[in-house]
Amino acid sequence: MNRRHILAQYGLHRLALVLALCVSAACTPIYRNHGYIPLEADLALLTVGVDTRESVIQAVGSPTAGGVLSESGYYYVASRFRHYGFLEPAEIEREVLAISFNAAGTVSNIERFGLEQGRVVTLSRRVTDDNIQDVTFLEQLLGNLGNIDASTLFGSDG
């Protein structure tokens, strides 16, 4: 083999290596983050029932969005997208922090939601809702009258 032939082979190997590196770099996923979620340390500064809309903005920053109906809450949204080659970018992670306010304008609840397989999943909740806020004692008492069964009153002997 002559020297030209060896140099030509060496050049082809280098060219193949460079092409392989370019192709593999083009197929490397690129991740991009969008939005803002306050840190847990900043959220710890908020007190349910005490903090107002203004103090929330001072403590954790401006929200991504506000409540649609009479500004019922603040929403902080963060998403992570994967860009892979020529394919359409895909959202692989989403987190929503919802800070709700009561009629007096103070914080009533702080919740975190995630997006798992297209469904909203509660990640954390600061206050548990009892779902009986608008029901009086009499409505609760009278609402149970139809749920009484004779076997519960007299006991069932099987």
Protein backbone atom coordinates (compact mmCIF):
# COMPACT_ATOMS: atom_id res chain seq x y z
CA MET A 1 0.00 0.00 0.00
CA ASN A 2 1.22 3.40 -0.81
CA ARG A 3 1.12 6.43 1.35
CA ARG A 4 -1.78 8.07 -0.54
CA HIS A 5 -4.00 5.05 -0.04
CA ILE A 6 -3.31 5.04 3.73
CA LEU A 7 -4.04 8.79 3.98
CA ALA A 8 -7.29 8.34 2.01
CA GLN A 9 -8.42 5.54 4.36
CA TYR A 10 -7.49 7.60 7.39
CA GLY A 11 -9.47 10.56 5.98
CA LEU A 12 -12.53 8.37 5.37
CA HIS A 13 -12.41 7.03 8.92
CA ARG A 14 -12.18 10.58 10.30
CA LEU A 15 -15.07 11.70 8.09
CA ALA A 16 -17.20 8.75 9.24
CA LEU A 17 -16.40 9.53 12.87
CA VAL A 18 -17.31 13.22 12.45
CA LEU A 19 -20.59 12.29 10.71
CA ALA A 20 -21.44 9.80 13.48
CA LEU A 21 -20.80 12.46 16.13
CA CYS A 22 -22.96 15.00 14.26
CA VAL A 23 -25.83 12.51 13.91
CA SER A 24 -25.67 11.53 17.58
CA ALA A 25 -25.53 15.19 18.65
CA ALA A 26 -28.59 15.96 16.51
CA CYS A 27 -30.54 13.21 18.28
CA THR A 28 -29.62 14.34 21.78
CA PRO A 29 -32.70 15.59 23.65
CA ILE A 30 -32.72 19.23 24.71
CA TYR A 31 -34.76 20.17 27.78
CA ARG A 32 -36.34 23.59 28.28
CA ASN A 33 -38.06 24.89 31.38
CA HIS A 34 -40.93 27.39 31.20
CA GLY A 35 -42.76 29.17 33.99
CA TYR A 36 -42.12 29.64 37.67
CA ILE A 37 -42.98 27.76 40.86
CA PRO A 38 -42.00 29.37 44.20
CA LEU A 39 -39.54 27.49 46.38
CA GLU A 40 -40.83 25.49 49.35
CA ALA A 41 -38.88 27.79 51.71
CA ASP A 42 -40.76 30.83 50.32
CA LEU A 43 -44.11 29.05 50.67
CA ALA A 44 -43.31 28.26 54.30
CA LEU A 45 -43.43 32.00 54.97
CA LEU A 46 -47.13 32.11 54.03
CA THR A 47 -49.74 31.62 56.76
CA VAL A 48 -53.20 30.35 55.87
CA GLY A 49 -55.88 32.76 57.13
CA VAL A 50 -53.39 35.61 57.69
CA ASP A 51 -51.62 36.50 54.43
CA THR A 52 -53.37 38.64 51.81
CA ARG A 53 -52.96 38.93 48.04
CA GLU A 54 -50.35 41.67 48.43
CA SER A 55 -48.29 39.79 51.03
CA VAL A 56 -48.34 36.66 48.82
CA ILE A 57 -46.91 38.63 45.90
CA GLN A 58 -44.24 40.13 48.18
CA ALA A 59 -43.28 36.71 49.60
CA VAL A 60 -43.30 34.49 46.50
CA GLY A 61 -43.59 36.81 43.49
CA SER A 62 -46.24 37.57 40.89
CA PRO A 63 -48.41 34.66 39.76
CA THR A 64 -48.46 33.20 36.27
CA ALA A 65 -52.25 33.60 36.19
CA GLY A 66 -55.11 34.74 38.40
CA GLY A 67 -58.49 33.19 39.08
CA VAL A 68 -61.09 33.64 36.37
CA LEU A 69 -64.06 34.15 38.67
CA SER A 70 -63.68 37.29 40.81
CA GLU A 71 -59.95 36.68 41.22
CA SER A 72 -60.46 33.63 43.42
CA GLY A 73 -56.80 32.61 43.47
CA TYR A 74 -53.25 32.82 42.17
CA TYR A 75 -51.74 30.14 39.97
CA TYR A 76 -48.03 29.49 39.42
CA VAL A 77 -47.27 27.13 36.54
CA ALA A 78 -43.98 25.49 35.53
CA SER A 79 -43.52 23.13 32.58
CA ARG A 80 -40.60 21.11 31.22
CA PHE A 81 -40.42 20.35 27.50
CA ARG A 82 -38.20 17.87 25.66
CA HIS A 83 -37.03 18.80 22.16
CA TYR A 84 -35.76 15.69 20.37
CA GLY A 85 -34.33 16.00 16.88
CA PHE A 86 -36.90 16.98 14.30
CA LEU A 87 -39.87 15.80 16.39
CA GLU A 88 -42.42 18.16 17.90
CA PRO A 89 -41.51 19.32 21.43
CA ALA A 90 -43.26 17.24 24.10
CA GLU A 91 -44.32 18.41 27.55
CA ILE A 92 -42.90 15.85 29.97
CA GLU A 93 -43.63 17.55 33.28
CA ARG A 94 -46.03 20.19 34.58
CA GLU A 95 -46.61 21.50 38.07
CA VAL A 96 -49.26 23.98 39.18
CA LEU A 97 -49.29 25.76 42.52
CA ALA A 98 -52.73 27.14 43.42
CA ILE A 99 -53.13 29.68 46.21
CA SER A 100 -56.82 30.22 47.00
CA PHE A 101 -58.30 33.21 48.79
CA ASN A 102 -61.52 33.51 50.78
CA ALA A 103 -64.06 36.33 50.53
CA ALA A 104 -62.07 38.42 53.02
CA GLY A 105 -59.05 38.28 50.72
CA THR A 106 -56.82 36.10 52.92
CA VAL A 107 -55.18 32.81 51.93
CA SER A 108 -57.57 29.88 52.41
CA ASN A 109 -55.57 27.04 50.80
CA ILE A 110 -52.24 26.26 49.13
CA GLU A 111 -52.19 23.25 46.80
CA ARG A 112 -49.73 21.67 44.36
CA PHE A 113 -50.88 19.74 41.32
CA GLY A 114 -48.94 17.67 38.82
CA LEU A 115 -49.78 16.27 35.41
CA GLU A 116 -49.54 12.47 35.39
CA GLN A 117 -50.61 10.70 32.20
CA GLY A 118 -52.84 13.59 31.20
CA ARG A 119 -54.67 13.74 34.55
CA VAL A 120 -54.31 16.37 37.23
CA VAL A 121 -52.89 14.84 40.42
CA THR A 122 -52.77 16.59 43.79
CA LEU A 123 -49.16 16.62 45.00
CA SER A 124 -49.66 18.48 48.28
CA ARG A 125 -52.38 20.40 50.06
CA ARG A 126 -51.91 22.74 53.00
CA VAL A 127 -55.57 22.82 54.15
CA THR A 128 -58.01 19.94 53.87
CA ASP A 129 -61.47 20.98 52.72
CA ASP A 130 -64.35 19.43 54.72
CA ASN A 131 -66.90 19.96 51.88
CA ILE A 132 -69.63 21.06 54.35
CA GLN A 133 -69.01 24.81 54.49
CA ASP A 134 -72.46 25.74 53.15
CA VAL A 135 -74.45 23.15 55.09
CA THR A 136 -76.01 24.09 58.44
CA PHE A 137 -76.35 21.75 61.41
CA LEU A 138 -80.07 21.22 60.75
CA GLU A 139 -79.45 20.39 57.09
CA GLN A 140 -76.88 17.80 58.16
CA LEU A 141 -79.25 16.32 60.75
CA LEU A 142 -82.29 16.21 58.44
CA GLY A 143 -80.19 14.98 55.53
CA ASN A 144 -79.46 11.75 57.40
CA LEU A 145 -83.11 10.86 58.08
CA GLY A 146 -83.46 8.94 54.83
CA ASN A 147 -80.28 6.95 55.49
CA ILE A 148 -81.60 5.10 58.56
CA ASP A 149 -82.14 1.37 58.12
CA ALA A 150 -84.11 -0.85 60.54
CA SER A 151 -81.22 -3.29 60.80
CA THR A 152 -78.95 -0.53 62.13
CA LEU A 153 -81.51 0.43 64.80
CA PHE A 154 -82.39 -3.03 66.08
CA GLY A 155 -79.23 -4.89 65.10
CA SER A 156 -79.12 -7.71 62.60
CA ASP A 157 -78.92 -11.29 63.81
CA GLY A 158 -77.65 -12.51 60.39
